[in-house]
Amino acid sequence: MPFTLLQITDTHLPADPATPYRGQNADDNLKSLIPACRALKPDGLVLTGDISDDYSAPSYQRIAVLLGDLCPNIGWVPGNHDDRSEMEKVFDSAGWSAGPVLNWGGWQIVLLDSAVHKRIEGHLDEPRLKPLDTLDKANPALVFVHHQPMPIGAPWIDKYPLVNPEKFWEKLDPAVVRIVACGHVHQAFAGEHKGIPCLSTPSAAVNSQPATKKFTPDPTGPKARWFRLWPDGQWKTGLVSAG
């Protein structure tokens, strides 16, 4: 049986749930997505940053309640709108893990922290890349990071990428790392580098239409991404939408 892994990203929950995010209610949009996510019966969930919109403890407390019973295994990485210390206080108490390497379903789930507090772009220095040096070559790996490690063709967000992604890609062995997945870009994207698929997951709050110069609201609503992971390294993926 495959391991069903869910990726939820860019929920942008504010301290006050009534505060709008890009003209919409982020809490309501996340709540609208949860039934479809629950229907997948995920074995694991990874939150890939911008969980909060304002670095606030109440935003992390609310998401811990909203998603705490979604599946038995939950991991997370921060984004540029997050405060890692506040996340740790709440998520450690909830039993959620920041890795950096989790062993789920025969896969190595790598959680890399690319966030620098109150900076929009991402950075991965040698200490943050070190988990990639510890991977077991006998088992497939899926690497999660908040910032996009390659251009996605949308100028409004491509100016805030993972800076110096070459160091990141140099660390990846295509025989081990089967997928790289990110958030941050508020749209779906599929690319490839060094033979490794690079996928972005749309926001669970508000998304943009792809390949636009400016953020252009996508009317199709919040989304998440699912993965089916087989121990032999085979995998499938797709998006889940509200409703």
C-alpha atoms as a PDB file:
ATOM      1  CA  MET A   1       0.000   0.000   0.000  1.00  0.00           C
ATOM      2  CA  PRO A   2       1.301   3.507  -0.763  1.00  0.00           C
ATOM      3  CA  PHE A   3       1.795   6.143   1.895  1.00  0.00           C
ATOM      4  CA  THR A   4      -0.616   9.028   1.297  1.00  0.00           C
ATOM      5  CA  LEU A   5       1.066  12.330   2.018  1.00  0.00           C
ATOM      6  CA  LEU A   6      -0.691  15.695   1.965  1.00  0.00           C
ATOM      7  CA  GLN A   7       1.021  19.067   1.502  1.00  0.00           C
ATOM      8  CA  ILE A   8      -0.768  22.178   2.737  1.00  0.00           C
ATOM      9  CA  THR A   9       0.950  25.516   2.337  1.00  0.00           C
ATOM     10  CA  ASP A  10       0.530  29.282   2.594  1.00  0.00           C
ATOM     11  CA  THR A  11      -2.533  29.293   4.823  1.00  0.00           C
ATOM     12  CA  HIS A  12      -1.722  32.904   5.875  1.00  0.00           C
ATOM     13  CA  LEU A  13      -3.816  32.814   9.023  1.00  0.00           C
ATOM     14  CA  PRO A  14      -3.840  36.183  10.865  1.00  0.00           C
ATOM     15  CA  ALA A  15      -3.903  36.706  14.617  1.00  0.00           C
ATOM     16  CA  ASP A  16      -7.513  37.887  14.308  1.00  0.00           C
ATOM     17  CA  PRO A  17      -9.477  35.450  12.128  1.00  0.00           C
ATOM     18  CA  ALA A  18     -11.668  38.313  10.901  1.00  0.00           C
ATOM     19  CA  THR A  19      -8.700  40.080   9.275  1.00  0.00           C
ATOM     20  CA  PRO A  20      -8.878  39.647   5.480  1.00  0.00           C
ATOM     21  CA  TYR A  21      -6.021  38.278   3.408  1.00  0.00           C
ATOM     22  CA  ARG A  22      -5.970  39.590  -0.180  1.00  0.00           C
ATOM     23  CA  GLY A  23      -9.643  40.423   0.209  1.00  0.00           C
ATOM     24  CA  GLN A  24     -10.687  36.965   1.448  1.00  0.00           C
ATOM     25  CA  ASN A  25     -10.964  35.157   4.772  1.00  0.00           C
ATOM     26  CA  ALA A  26      -8.015  32.781   5.105  1.00  0.00           C
ATOM     27  CA  ASP A  27      -9.579  30.791   7.949  1.00  0.00           C
ATOM     28  CA  ASP A  28     -12.776  30.169   6.003  1.00  0.00           C
ATOM     29  CA  ASN A  29     -10.855  29.149   2.890  1.00  0.00           C
ATOM     30  CA  LEU A  30      -8.756  26.646   4.813  1.00  0.00           C
ATOM     31  CA  LYS A  31     -11.852  25.246   6.513  1.00  0.00           C
ATOM     32  CA  SER A  32     -13.511  24.800   3.113  1.00  0.00           C
ATOM     33  CA  LEU A  33     -10.566  22.681   1.977  1.00  0.00           C
ATOM     34  CA  ILE A  34     -10.377  20.369   4.988  1.00  0.00           C
ATOM     35  CA  PRO A  35     -13.256  17.981   4.071  1.00  0.00           C
ATOM     36  CA  ALA A  36     -11.659  17.152   0.717  1.00  0.00           C
ATOM     37  CA  CYS A  37      -8.303  16.647   2.428  1.00  0.00           C
ATOM     38  CA  ARG A  38      -9.862  14.405   5.045  1.00  0.00           C
ATOM     39  CA  ALA A  39     -11.500  12.310   2.315  1.00  0.00           C
ATOM     40  CA  LEU A  40      -8.015  11.342   1.094  1.00  0.00           C
ATOM     41  CA  LYS A  41      -7.362   9.665   4.461  1.00  0.00           C
ATOM     42  CA  PRO A  42      -3.775  10.918   4.551  1.00  0.00           C
ATOM     43  CA  ASP A  43      -1.121   9.062   6.507  1.00  0.00           C
ATOM     44  CA  GLY A  44       1.011  12.193   6.792  1.00  0.00           C
ATOM     45  CA  LEU A  45       0.820  15.955   6.343  1.00  0.00           C
ATOM     46  CA  VAL A  46       3.569  18.488   5.692  1.00  0.00           C
ATOM     47  CA  LEU A  47       2.927  22.199   6.169  1.00  0.00           C
ATOM     48  CA  THR A  48       5.345  24.141   3.983  1.00  0.00           C
ATOM     49  CA  GLY A  49       5.345  27.615   5.440  1.00  0.00           C
ATOM     50  CA  ASP A  50       3.512  30.910   5.613  1.00  0.00           C
ATOM     51  CA  ILE A  51       1.179  29.206   8.025  1.00  0.00           C
ATOM     52  CA  SER A  52       0.745  32.597   9.675  1.00  0.00           C
ATOM     53  CA  ASP A  53       0.399  35.915   7.906  1.00  0.00           C
ATOM     54  CA  ASP A  54       1.740  37.971  10.812  1.00  0.00           C
ATOM     55  CA  TYR A  55       4.117  35.767  12.870  1.00  0.00           C
ATOM     56  CA  SER A  56       1.435  35.415  15.556  1.00  0.00           C
ATOM     57  CA  ALA A  57       0.973  32.699  18.175  1.00  0.00           C
ATOM     58  CA  PRO A  58      -2.858  32.701  17.789  1.00  0.00           C
ATOM     59  CA  SER A  59      -2.537  31.763  14.107  1.00  0.00           C
ATOM     60  CA  TYR A  60      -0.465  28.680  15.006  1.00  0.00           C
ATOM     61  CA  GLN A  61      -2.806  27.766  17.831  1.00  0.00           C
ATOM     62  CA  ARG A  62      -5.794  27.832  15.466  1.00  0.00           C
ATOM     63  CA  ILE A  63      -4.171  25.689  12.790  1.00  0.00           C
ATOM     64  CA  ALA A  64      -3.140  23.158  15.405  1.00  0.00           C
ATOM     65  CA  VAL A  65      -6.820  22.797  16.280  1.00  0.00           C
ATOM     66  CA  LEU A  66      -8.027  22.803  12.668  1.00  0.00           C
ATOM     67  CA  LEU A  67      -5.567  20.187  11.384  1.00  0.00           C
ATOM     68  CA  GLY A  68      -4.522  18.294  14.505  1.00  0.00           C
ATOM     69  CA  ASP A  69      -6.754  15.292  13.855  1.00  0.00           C
ATOM     70  CA  LEU A  70      -6.291  15.159  10.083  1.00  0.00           C
ATOM     71  CA  CYS A  71      -3.662  12.400  10.172  1.00  0.00           C
ATOM     72  CA  PRO A  72      -1.252  10.654  12.569  1.00  0.00           C
ATOM     73  CA  ASN A  73       1.966  12.235  11.235  1.00  0.00           C
ATOM     74  CA  ILE A  74       2.484  15.984  10.776  1.00  0.00           C
ATOM     75  CA  GLY A  75       5.665  17.817   9.812  1.00  0.00           C
ATOM     76  CA  TRP A  76       6.357  21.466   9.091  1.00  0.00           C
ATOM     77  CA  VAL A  77       8.767  24.085   7.798  1.00  0.00           C
ATOM     78  CA  PRO A  78       8.476  27.862   8.283  1.00  0.00           C
ATOM     79  CA  GLY A  79       7.969  30.459   5.575  1.00  0.00           C
ATOM     80  CA  ASN A  80       8.812  34.133   5.351  1.00  0.00           C
ATOM     81  CA  HIS A  81       5.618  35.135   7.196  1.00  0.00           C
ATOM     82  CA  ASP A  82       6.379  32.776  10.085  1.00  0.00           C
ATOM     83  CA  ASP A  83       8.179  33.003  13.413  1.00  0.00           C
ATOM     84  CA  ARG A  84       9.923  29.682  13.991  1.00  0.00           C
ATOM     85  CA  SER A  85      10.164  30.139  17.763  1.00  0.00           C
ATOM     86  CA  GLU A  86       6.409  30.717  18.037  1.00  0.00           C
ATOM     87  CA  MET A  87       5.739  27.754  15.752  1.00  0.00           C
ATOM     88  CA  GLU A  88       7.898  25.485  17.883  1.00  0.00           C
ATOM     89  CA  LYS A  89       6.059  26.398  21.074  1.00  0.00           C
ATOM     90  CA  VAL A  90       2.706  25.388  19.602  1.00  0.00           C
ATOM     91  CA  PHE A  91       3.691  22.600  17.232  1.00  0.00           C
ATOM     92  CA  ASP A  92       6.018  20.809  19.658  1.00  0.00           C
ATOM     93  CA  SER A  93       3.135  20.665  22.132  1.00  0.00           C
ATOM     94  CA  ALA A  94       0.916  19.256  19.384  1.00  0.00           C
ATOM     95  CA  GLY A  95       3.449  16.500  18.639  1.00  0.00           C
ATOM     96  CA  TRP A  96       4.275  17.864  15.187  1.00  0.00           C
ATOM     97  CA  SER A  97       7.821  17.536  13.863  1.00  0.00           C
ATOM     98  CA  ALA A  98      10.270  19.839  12.102  1.00  0.00           C
ATOM     99  CA  GLY A  99      12.464  16.886  11.171  1.00  0.00           C
ATOM    100  CA  PRO A 100      14.728  17.630   9.492  1.00  0.00           C
ATOM    101  CA  VAL A 101      14.377  14.058   8.148  1.00  0.00           C
ATOM    102  CA  LEU A 102      11.272  11.964   8.796  1.00  0.00           C
ATOM    103  CA  ASN A 103      10.942   8.318   7.797  1.00  0.00           C
ATOM    104  CA  TRP A 104       7.415   7.794   6.504  1.00  0.00           C
ATOM    105  CA  GLY A 105       6.214   4.857   4.424  1.00  0.00           C
ATOM    106  CA  GLY A 106       9.693   3.838   3.322  1.00  0.00           C
ATOM    107  CA  TRP A 107      10.508   7.404   2.190  1.00  0.00           C
ATOM    108  CA  GLN A 108      12.815  10.001   3.654  1.00  0.00           C
ATOM    109  CA  ILE A 109      10.803  13.205   4.079  1.00  0.00           C
ATOM    110  CA  VAL A 110      13.292  16.077   4.218  1.00  0.00           C
ATOM    111  CA  LEU A 111      12.181  19.375   5.777  1.00  0.00           C
ATOM    112  CA  LEU A 112      14.505  22.271   4.909  1.00  0.00           C
ATOM    113  CA  ASP A 113      14.108  25.681   6.549  1.00  0.00           C
ATOM    114  CA  SER A 114      14.682  28.388   3.910  1.00  0.00           C
ATOM    115  CA  ALA A 115      13.067  31.221   5.892  1.00  0.00           C
ATOM    116  CA  VAL A 116      14.935  34.235   7.229  1.00  0.00           C
ATOM    117  CA  HIS A 117      12.809  36.223   9.678  1.00  0.00           C
ATOM    118  CA  LYS A 118      11.165  39.240   8.016  1.00  0.00           C
ATOM    119  CA  ARG A 119      12.925  38.636   4.687  1.00  0.00           C
ATOM    120  CA  ILE A 120      10.781  37.649   1.705  1.00  0.00           C
ATOM    121  CA  GLU A 121      13.372  35.685  -0.266  1.00  0.00           C
ATOM    122  CA  GLY A 122      14.758  32.349   0.950  1.00  0.00           C
ATOM    123  CA  HIS A 123      18.230  31.213   1.970  1.00  0.00           C
ATOM    124  CA  LEU A 124      19.789  27.792   2.579  1.00  0.00           C
ATOM    125  CA  ASP A 125      23.292  27.991   4.066  1.00  0.00           C
ATOM    126  CA  GLU A 126      25.494  24.974   4.756  1.00  0.00           C
ATOM    127  CA  PRO A 127      24.022  24.161   8.202  1.00  0.00           C
ATOM    128  CA  ARG A 128      20.507  24.215   6.733  1.00  0.00           C
ATOM    129  CA  LEU A 129      21.585  22.018   3.829  1.00  0.00           C
ATOM    130  CA  LYS A 130      23.343  19.505   6.056  1.00  0.00           C
ATOM    131  CA  PRO A 131      20.344  17.124   6.352  1.00  0.00           C
ATOM    132  CA  LEU A 132      20.839  16.314   2.657  1.00  0.00           C
ATOM    133  CA  ASP A 133      24.253  14.848   3.505  1.00  0.00           C
ATOM    134  CA  THR A 134      22.677  12.356   5.909  1.00  0.00           C
ATOM    135  CA  LEU A 135      20.270  10.672   3.487  1.00  0.00           C
ATOM    136  CA  ASP A 136      20.272   6.904   3.149  1.00  0.00           C
ATOM    137  CA  LYS A 137      20.965   6.011  -0.470  1.00  0.00           C
ATOM    138  CA  ALA A 138      18.847   2.872  -0.103  1.00  0.00           C
ATOM    139  CA  ASN A 139      15.574   4.771   0.340  1.00  0.00           C
ATOM    140  CA  PRO A 140      13.826   7.393  -1.846  1.00  0.00           C
ATOM    141  CA  ALA A 141      13.519  10.973  -0.594  1.00  0.00           C
ATOM    142  CA  LEU A 142      11.058  13.831  -1.012  1.00  0.00           C
ATOM    143  CA  VAL A 143      12.465  17.268  -0.163  1.00  0.00           C
ATOM    144  CA  PHE A 144      10.168  20.041   1.077  1.00  0.00           C
ATOM    145  CA  VAL A 145      11.220  23.702   1.194  1.00  0.00           C
ATOM    146  CA  HIS A 146       9.122  26.867   1.353  1.00  0.00           C
ATOM    147  CA  HIS A 147      10.783  28.982  -1.360  1.00  0.00           C
ATOM    148  CA  GLN A 148      10.870  27.991  -5.021  1.00  0.00           C
ATOM    149  CA  PRO A 149      14.356  26.723  -6.035  1.00  0.00           C
ATOM    150  CA  MET A 150      13.804  27.543  -9.709  1.00  0.00           C
ATOM    151  CA  PRO A 151      11.894  30.248 -11.640  1.00  0.00           C
ATOM    152  CA  ILE A 152       8.218  29.493 -12.199  1.00  0.00           C
ATOM    153  CA  GLY A 153       7.532  32.165 -14.835  1.00  0.00           C
ATOM    154  CA  ALA A 154       5.536  34.577 -12.640  1.00  0.00           C
ATOM    155  CA  PRO A 155       7.552  37.807 -12.219  1.00  0.00           C
ATOM    156  CA  TRP A 156       5.655  39.006  -9.134  1.00  0.00           C
ATOM    157  CA  ILE A 157       6.945  36.073  -7.047  1.00  0.00           C
ATOM    158  CA  ASP A 158      10.056  35.030  -8.983  1.00  0.00           C
ATOM    159  CA  LYS A 159      11.781  38.129  -7.592  1.00  0.00           C
ATOM    160  CA  TYR A 160      11.550  36.459  -4.164  1.00  0.00           C
ATOM    161  CA  PRO A 161      13.022  32.976  -4.789  1.00  0.00           C
ATOM    162  CA  LEU A 162      15.412  30.708  -2.991  1.00  0.00           C
ATOM    163  CA  VAL A 163      18.637  32.707  -3.342  1.00  0.00           C
ATOM    164  CA  ASN A 164      21.668  30.837  -4.740  1.00  0.00           C
ATOM    165  CA  PRO A 165      19.731  27.639  -5.495  1.00  0.00           C
ATOM    166  CA  GLU A 166      22.832  26.117  -7.105  1.00  0.00           C
ATOM    167  CA  LYS A 167      24.128  25.072  -3.680  1.00  0.00           C
ATOM    168  CA  PHE A 168      20.845  23.320  -3.015  1.00  0.00           C
ATOM    169  CA  TRP A 169      20.740  21.441  -6.317  1.00  0.00           C
ATOM    170  CA  GLU A 170      24.407  20.392  -5.980  1.00  0.00           C
ATOM    171  CA  LYS A 171      23.475  18.512  -2.820  1.00  0.00           C
ATOM    172  CA  LEU A 172      20.734  16.463  -4.488  1.00  0.00           C
ATOM    173  CA  ASP A 173      21.412  12.980  -5.828  1.00  0.00           C
ATOM    174  CA  PRO A 174      18.746  12.105  -8.431  1.00  0.00           C
ATOM    175  CA  ALA A 175      19.118   8.441  -7.501  1.00  0.00           C
ATOM    176  CA  VAL A 176      17.861   9.286  -4.000  1.00  0.00           C
ATOM    177  CA  VAL A 177      15.826  12.498  -4.224  1.00  0.00           C
ATOM    178  CA  ARG A 178      12.797  11.733  -6.384  1.00  0.00           C
ATOM    179  CA  ILE A 179      10.840  14.972  -5.818  1.00  0.00           C
ATOM    180  CA  VAL A 180      11.360  18.547  -4.638  1.00  0.00           C
ATOM    181  CA  ALA A 181       8.190  20.310  -3.453  1.00  0.00           C
ATOM    182  CA  CYS A 182       7.726  23.921  -2.407  1.00  0.00           C
ATOM    183  CA  GLY A 183       5.087  26.497  -1.497  1.00  0.00           C
ATOM    184  CA  HIS A 184       5.418  30.302  -1.535  1.00  0.00           C
ATOM    185  CA  VAL A 185       4.284  30.897  -5.131  1.00  0.00           C
ATOM    186  CA  HIS A 186       0.478  30.619  -4.703  1.00  0.00           C
ATOM    187  CA  GLN A 187       0.022  28.561  -7.874  1.00  0.00           C
ATOM    188  CA  ALA A 188       0.740  25.121  -9.297  1.00  0.00           C
ATOM    189  CA  PHE A 189       3.994  24.660 -11.185  1.00  0.00           C
ATOM    190  CA  ALA A 190       5.854  21.626 -12.494  1.00  0.00           C
ATOM    191  CA  GLY A 191       9.479  21.839 -13.608  1.00  0.00           C
ATOM    192  CA  GLU A 192      12.597  19.725 -13.544  1.00  0.00           C
ATOM    193  CA  HIS A 193      16.282  20.183 -12.733  1.00  0.00           C
ATOM    194  CA  LYS A 194      19.014  17.532 -12.791  1.00  0.00           C
ATOM    195  CA  GLY A 195      16.282  15.067 -13.712  1.00  0.00           C
ATOM    196  CA  ILE A 196      14.446  15.767 -10.455  1.00  0.00           C
ATOM    197  CA  PRO A 197      10.814  16.956 -10.691  1.00  0.00           C
ATOM    198  CA  CYS A 198      10.203  20.278  -8.940  1.00  0.00           C
ATOM    199  CA  LEU A 199       6.584  20.923  -7.952  1.00  0.00           C
ATOM    200  CA  SER A 200       4.882  23.863  -6.289  1.00  0.00           C
ATOM    201  CA  THR A 201       1.665  23.585  -4.348  1.00  0.00           C
ATOM    202  CA  PRO A 202      -1.009  26.287  -4.465  1.00  0.00           C
ATOM    203  CA  SER A 203      -2.077  28.167  -1.362  1.00  0.00           C
ATOM    204  CA  ALA A 204      -4.792  27.010   1.019  1.00  0.00           C
ATOM    205  CA  ALA A 205      -5.782  30.688   1.314  1.00  0.00           C
ATOM    206  CA  VAL A 206      -5.749  32.611  -1.995  1.00  0.00           C
ATOM    207  CA  ASN A 207      -4.019  31.840  -5.303  1.00  0.00           C
ATOM    208  CA  SER A 208      -2.843  33.697  -8.373  1.00  0.00           C
ATOM    209  CA  GLN A 209      -3.338  32.727 -11.974  1.00  0.00           C
ATOM    210  CA  PRO A 210      -0.097  31.309 -13.407  1.00  0.00           C
ATOM    211  CA  ALA A 211       2.540  33.201 -15.401  1.00  0.00           C
ATOM    212  CA  THR A 212       1.284  36.686 -14.496  1.00  0.00           C
ATOM    213  CA  LYS A 213       3.355  39.825 -13.955  1.00  0.00           C
ATOM    214  CA  LYS A 214       1.225  40.825 -10.967  1.00  0.00           C
ATOM    215  CA  PHE A 215      -0.742  38.762  -8.468  1.00  0.00           C
ATOM    216  CA  THR A 216      -3.960  38.011 -10.352  1.00  0.00           C
ATOM    217  CA  PRO A 217      -6.594  36.228  -8.228  1.00  0.00           C
ATOM    218  CA  ASP A 218      -7.423  32.687  -9.329  1.00  0.00           C
ATOM    219  CA  PRO A 219     -11.188  32.074  -9.000  1.00  0.00           C
ATOM    220  CA  THR A 220     -10.797  28.298  -8.571  1.00  0.00           C
ATOM    221  CA  GLY A 221     -10.202  28.628  -4.839  1.00  0.00           C
ATOM    222  CA  PRO A 222      -7.831  27.148  -2.239  1.00  0.00           C
ATOM    223  CA  LYS A 223      -5.913  23.969  -2.933  1.00  0.00           C
ATOM    224  CA  ALA A 224      -3.536  21.416  -1.465  1.00  0.00           C
ATOM    225  CA  ARG A 225      -1.383  18.674  -3.003  1.00  0.00           C
ATOM    226  CA  TRP A 226      -1.450  14.926  -2.395  1.00  0.00           C
ATOM    227  CA  PHE A 227       1.268  12.356  -2.988  1.00  0.00           C
ATOM    228  CA  ARG A 228       1.014   8.582  -3.133  1.00  0.00           C
ATOM    229  CA  LEU A 229       4.429   7.189  -2.210  1.00  0.00           C
ATOM    230  CA  TRP A 230       5.401   3.566  -2.741  1.00  0.00           C
ATOM    231  CA  PRO A 231       8.434   2.148  -0.881  1.00  0.00           C
ATOM    232  CA  ASP A 232      10.148   1.234  -4.158  1.00  0.00           C
ATOM    233  CA  GLY A 233      10.323   4.923  -5.139  1.00  0.00           C
ATOM    234  CA  GLN A 234       7.281   5.086  -7.402  1.00  0.00           C
ATOM    235  CA  TRP A 235       4.950   7.999  -6.801  1.00  0.00           C
ATOM    236  CA  LYS A 236       1.916   9.887  -8.031  1.00  0.00           C
ATOM    237  CA  THR A 237       0.625  13.359  -7.217  1.00  0.00           C
ATOM    238  CA  GLY A 238      -2.301  15.666  -7.807  1.00  0.00           C
ATOM    239  CA  LEU A 239      -4.164  18.639  -6.401  1.00  0.00           C
ATOM    240  CA  VAL A 240      -7.161  18.695  -4.118  1.00  0.00           C
ATOM    241  CA  SER A 241      -9.648  21.570  -4.154  1.00  0.00           C
ATOM    242  CA  ALA A 242     -12.421  22.734  -1.873  1.00  0.00           C
ATOM    243  CA  GLY A 243     -15.921  21.529  -2.611  1.00  0.00           C
END
